Amino acid sequence: MNVTSTEAELFLIRYGINQAVQVPNTEHIIVITDTIPAARYILDLSTYLFQLHSITIFQDLRAFFNKRSINSIMFWDCPSNDKWPFYLVVNKETKQLKINPIFPCRSS
């Protein structure tokens, strides 16, 4: 099975959003990515191979936005090759996280 970088990025966004919406009292989600074009697939209504990720993300976000009208999500474009200081900090911190996945489903 071959996995494209776009599909991998969508899976990571799917996983992150799934985790964030399950944290009690979450009102704001910030997705930091170095591939905004992949993130745009979340709103793509056409048919494509990895659409399962987008549908799942959409379901999580719909439930998230229905909880409170102040809930929001932002996407930050942070190209990893720029070595932006904030990217380096986030990259280091996320690699040190010790989380227990609560991902409810498997990708096919």
Protein backbone atom coordinates (compact mmCIF):
# COMPACT_ATOMS: atom_id res chain seq x y z
CA MET A 1 0.00 0.00 0.00
CA ASN A 2 1.36 3.40 -0.98
CA VAL A 3 0.53 6.46 1.10
CA THR A 4 0.92 9.93 -0.34
CA SER A 5 2.20 12.85 1.72
CA THR A 6 -1.22 14.48 1.32
CA GLU A 7 -2.97 11.45 2.76
CA ALA A 8 -0.48 11.25 5.61
CA GLU A 9 -0.97 14.93 6.43
CA LEU A 10 -4.76 14.57 6.35
CA PHE A 11 -4.52 11.59 8.69
CA LEU A 12 -2.42 13.64 11.12
CA ILE A 13 -4.87 16.54 10.99
CA ARG A 14 -7.71 14.06 11.50
CA TYR A 15 -5.97 12.54 14.50
CA GLY A 16 -5.14 15.93 16.04
CA ILE A 17 -8.63 17.35 15.62
CA ASN A 18 -10.15 14.15 16.98
CA GLN A 19 -8.00 14.48 20.09
CA ALA A 20 -8.67 18.21 20.52
CA VAL A 21 -12.46 18.04 20.27
CA GLN A 22 -12.57 15.43 23.01
CA VAL A 23 -10.78 17.59 25.56
CA PRO A 24 -13.44 19.14 27.82
CA ASN A 25 -14.02 22.88 27.39
CA THR A 26 -11.93 23.18 24.23
CA GLU A 27 -13.02 26.35 22.45
CA HIS A 28 -10.18 27.04 20.02
CA ILE A 29 -8.17 24.64 17.90
CA ILE A 30 -5.03 25.70 16.07
CA VAL A 31 -3.70 23.33 13.43
CA ILE A 32 -0.06 24.06 12.63
CA THR A 33 0.92 22.49 9.34
CA ASP A 34 3.55 22.83 6.69
CA THR A 35 1.12 21.63 4.01
CA ILE A 36 -1.86 23.95 3.76
CA PRO A 37 -2.76 22.45 0.35
CA ALA A 38 -3.40 19.11 2.08
CA ALA A 39 -5.52 20.82 4.75
CA ARG A 40 -7.68 22.35 2.01
CA TYR A 41 -8.94 18.86 1.18
CA ILE A 42 -11.02 19.03 4.37
CA LEU A 43 -13.42 21.35 2.57
CA ASP A 44 -13.15 19.65 -0.82
CA LEU A 45 -16.52 18.20 -1.79
CA SER A 46 -15.24 16.34 -4.83
CA THR A 47 -14.46 12.62 -4.80
CA TYR A 48 -10.85 11.62 -4.16
CA LEU A 49 -8.98 8.59 -2.83
CA PHE A 50 -8.49 9.67 0.79
CA GLN A 51 -11.86 11.34 1.28
CA LEU A 52 -12.52 9.18 4.38
CA HIS A 53 -10.18 11.43 6.36
CA SER A 54 -11.97 14.59 5.27
CA ILE A 55 -15.38 13.16 6.09
CA THR A 56 -14.24 12.13 9.57
CA ILE A 57 -12.65 15.54 10.19
CA PHE A 58 -15.86 17.21 9.03
CA GLN A 59 -17.94 15.09 11.45
CA ASP A 60 -15.67 15.97 14.39
CA LEU A 61 -15.74 19.67 13.49
CA ARG A 62 -19.52 19.69 13.07
CA ALA A 63 -19.95 18.29 16.59
CA PHE A 64 -17.33 20.74 17.90
CA PHE A 65 -19.03 23.79 16.37
CA ASN A 66 -22.47 22.64 17.51
CA LYS A 67 -21.33 22.59 21.17
CA ARG A 68 -20.77 26.35 21.43
CA SER A 69 -21.07 29.23 19.03
CA ILE A 70 -17.68 30.64 20.15
CA ASN A 71 -15.74 27.53 19.12
CA SER A 72 -13.19 28.14 16.38
CA ILE A 73 -10.43 26.51 14.39
CA MET A 74 -7.46 28.17 12.73
CA PHE A 75 -4.91 26.75 10.33
CA TRP A 76 -1.39 28.15 10.50
CA ASP A 77 0.93 27.62 7.58
CA CYS A 78 4.35 26.97 9.07
CA PRO A 79 6.75 25.62 6.42
CA SER A 80 9.22 23.30 8.13
CA ASN A 81 12.00 24.22 5.70
CA ASP A 82 11.85 27.86 6.91
CA LYS A 83 13.03 26.74 10.37
CA TRP A 84 10.73 29.32 11.91
CA PRO A 85 11.53 29.46 15.67
CA PHE A 86 7.91 28.74 16.60
CA TYR A 87 7.92 25.66 14.36
CA LEU A 88 11.06 24.38 16.07
CA VAL A 89 9.51 24.83 19.53
CA VAL A 90 6.24 23.15 18.54
CA ASN A 91 8.10 20.31 16.84
CA LYS A 92 10.22 19.69 19.94
CA GLU A 93 7.29 19.93 22.37
CA THR A 94 5.00 17.63 20.41
CA LYS A 95 7.66 14.94 20.21
CA GLN A 96 7.82 14.96 24.02
CA LEU A 97 4.05 14.57 24.55
CA LYS A 98 2.91 11.43 26.29
CA ILE A 99 -0.71 11.01 25.27
CA ASN A 100 -3.08 8.08 25.25
CA PRO A 101 -4.83 7.91 21.88
CA ILE A 102 -8.61 8.08 21.99
CA PHE A 103 -9.02 7.63 18.25
CA PRO A 104 -12.33 5.80 17.83
CA CYS A 105 -11.90 4.28 14.40
CA ARG A 106 -9.41 2.85 11.97
CA SER A 107 -8.65 4.07 8.51
CA SER A 108 -9.27 1.62 5.70
